[in-house]
Amino acid sequence: SVAGKTGTAEVFGEEDTSWFVSWGPTSDPRYVVAVVVDEGGTGGSTAAGIAADIHERLAAHERG
């Protein structure tokens, strides 16, 4: 499992910018992942999904 914080940056006249910062695994953190998606909507809907994919690949790499 990982822990993190979503965010959304509003830019006048443009789609919101999505961001998510996370660390994990929560029991013994070894990785920090930060994702920013320009005009990506909200942090939870776009950037968090990308970060989850990255964390999954990191965990798979550790398992060999």
C-alpha atoms as a PDB file:
ATOM      1  CA  SER A   1       0.000   0.000   0.000  1.00  0.00           C
ATOM      2  CA  VAL A   2       1.028   3.612  -0.532  1.00  0.00           C
ATOM      3  CA  ALA A   3       0.140   6.957   1.002  1.00  0.00           C
ATOM      4  CA  GLY A   4      -0.261  10.193  -0.877  1.00  0.00           C
ATOM      5  CA  LYS A   5      -1.841  13.564  -1.446  1.00  0.00           C
ATOM      6  CA  THR A   6      -3.837  14.677  -4.459  1.00  0.00           C
ATOM      7  CA  GLY A   7      -4.100  18.199  -5.725  1.00  0.00           C
ATOM      8  CA  THR A   8      -5.685  20.258  -8.448  1.00  0.00           C
ATOM      9  CA  ALA A   9      -4.285  23.545  -9.747  1.00  0.00           C
ATOM     10  CA  GLU A  10      -6.848  25.778 -11.369  1.00  0.00           C
ATOM     11  CA  VAL A  11      -5.736  27.921 -14.306  1.00  0.00           C
ATOM     12  CA  PHE A  12      -8.165  30.516 -15.612  1.00  0.00           C
ATOM     13  CA  GLY A  13      -9.476  29.581 -19.041  1.00  0.00           C
ATOM     14  CA  GLU A  14      -7.832  26.137 -19.122  1.00  0.00           C
ATOM     15  CA  GLU A  15      -8.552  22.633 -17.863  1.00  0.00           C
ATOM     16  CA  ASP A  16      -7.304  22.073 -14.298  1.00  0.00           C
ATOM     17  CA  THR A  17      -3.810  20.663 -13.746  1.00  0.00           C
ATOM     18  CA  SER A  18      -3.759  17.381 -11.839  1.00  0.00           C
ATOM     19  CA  TRP A  19      -1.048  16.317  -9.387  1.00  0.00           C
ATOM     20  CA  PHE A  20      -0.398  13.500  -6.941  1.00  0.00           C
ATOM     21  CA  VAL A  21       2.570  12.906  -4.620  1.00  0.00           C
ATOM     22  CA  SER A  22       2.917   9.492  -3.002  1.00  0.00           C
ATOM     23  CA  TRP A  23       5.330   7.309  -1.053  1.00  0.00           C
ATOM     24  CA  GLY A  24       5.426   3.650  -0.336  1.00  0.00           C
ATOM     25  CA  PRO A  25       5.189   1.010   0.639  1.00  0.00           C
ATOM     26  CA  THR A  26       3.664   2.532   3.758  1.00  0.00           C
ATOM     27  CA  SER A  27       5.156  -0.093   6.085  1.00  0.00           C
ATOM     28  CA  ASP A  28       8.726   0.679   4.896  1.00  0.00           C
ATOM     29  CA  PRO A  29       8.783   3.642   2.480  1.00  0.00           C
ATOM     30  CA  ARG A  30      11.471   3.379  -0.182  1.00  0.00           C
ATOM     31  CA  TYR A  31       9.968   5.287  -3.093  1.00  0.00           C
ATOM     32  CA  VAL A  32       8.491   8.717  -3.690  1.00  0.00           C
ATOM     33  CA  VAL A  33       6.473   9.264  -6.849  1.00  0.00           C
ATOM     34  CA  ALA A  34       5.276  12.672  -8.009  1.00  0.00           C
ATOM     35  CA  VAL A  35       2.992  13.001 -11.039  1.00  0.00           C
ATOM     36  CA  VAL A  36       1.805  16.241 -12.642  1.00  0.00           C
ATOM     37  CA  VAL A  37      -0.556  16.179 -15.631  1.00  0.00           C
ATOM     38  CA  ASP A  38      -1.042  19.517 -17.360  1.00  0.00           C
ATOM     39  CA  GLU A  39      -4.748  19.994 -18.090  1.00  0.00           C
ATOM     40  CA  GLY A  40      -5.379  16.554 -16.587  1.00  0.00           C
ATOM     41  CA  GLY A  41      -8.453  17.346 -14.522  1.00  0.00           C
ATOM     42  CA  THR A  42      -8.480  16.476 -10.832  1.00  0.00           C
ATOM     43  CA  GLY A  43      -5.586  14.834  -8.987  1.00  0.00           C
ATOM     44  CA  GLY A  44      -7.564  11.825  -7.870  1.00  0.00           C
ATOM     45  CA  SER A  45      -8.935  11.046 -11.307  1.00  0.00           C
ATOM     46  CA  THR A  46      -5.793  11.302 -13.421  1.00  0.00           C
ATOM     47  CA  ALA A  47      -2.462  11.673 -11.636  1.00  0.00           C
ATOM     48  CA  ALA A  48      -3.218   9.173  -8.847  1.00  0.00           C
ATOM     49  CA  GLY A  49      -3.918   6.426 -11.373  1.00  0.00           C
ATOM     50  CA  ILE A  50      -0.596   7.036 -13.108  1.00  0.00           C
ATOM     51  CA  ALA A  51       1.224   6.992  -9.752  1.00  0.00           C
ATOM     52  CA  ALA A  52      -0.482   3.712  -8.842  1.00  0.00           C
ATOM     53  CA  ASP A  53       0.824   2.139 -12.053  1.00  0.00           C
ATOM     54  CA  ILE A  54       4.351   3.334 -11.252  1.00  0.00           C
ATOM     55  CA  HIS A  55       4.187   1.955  -7.698  1.00  0.00           C
ATOM     56  CA  GLU A  56       2.941  -1.398  -9.030  1.00  0.00           C
ATOM     57  CA  ARG A  57       5.873  -1.608 -11.431  1.00  0.00           C
ATOM     58  CA  LEU A  58       8.323  -0.704  -8.679  1.00  0.00           C
ATOM     59  CA  ALA A  59       6.908  -3.459  -6.461  1.00  0.00           C
ATOM     60  CA  ALA A  60       7.104  -5.972  -9.312  1.00  0.00           C
ATOM     61  CA  HIS A  61      10.725  -4.969  -9.962  1.00  0.00           C
ATOM     62  CA  GLU A  62      11.590  -5.603  -6.299  1.00  0.00           C
ATOM     63  CA  ARG A  63      10.019  -9.068  -6.480  1.00  0.00           C
ATOM     64  CA  GLY A  64      12.259  -9.813  -9.424  1.00  0.00           C
END
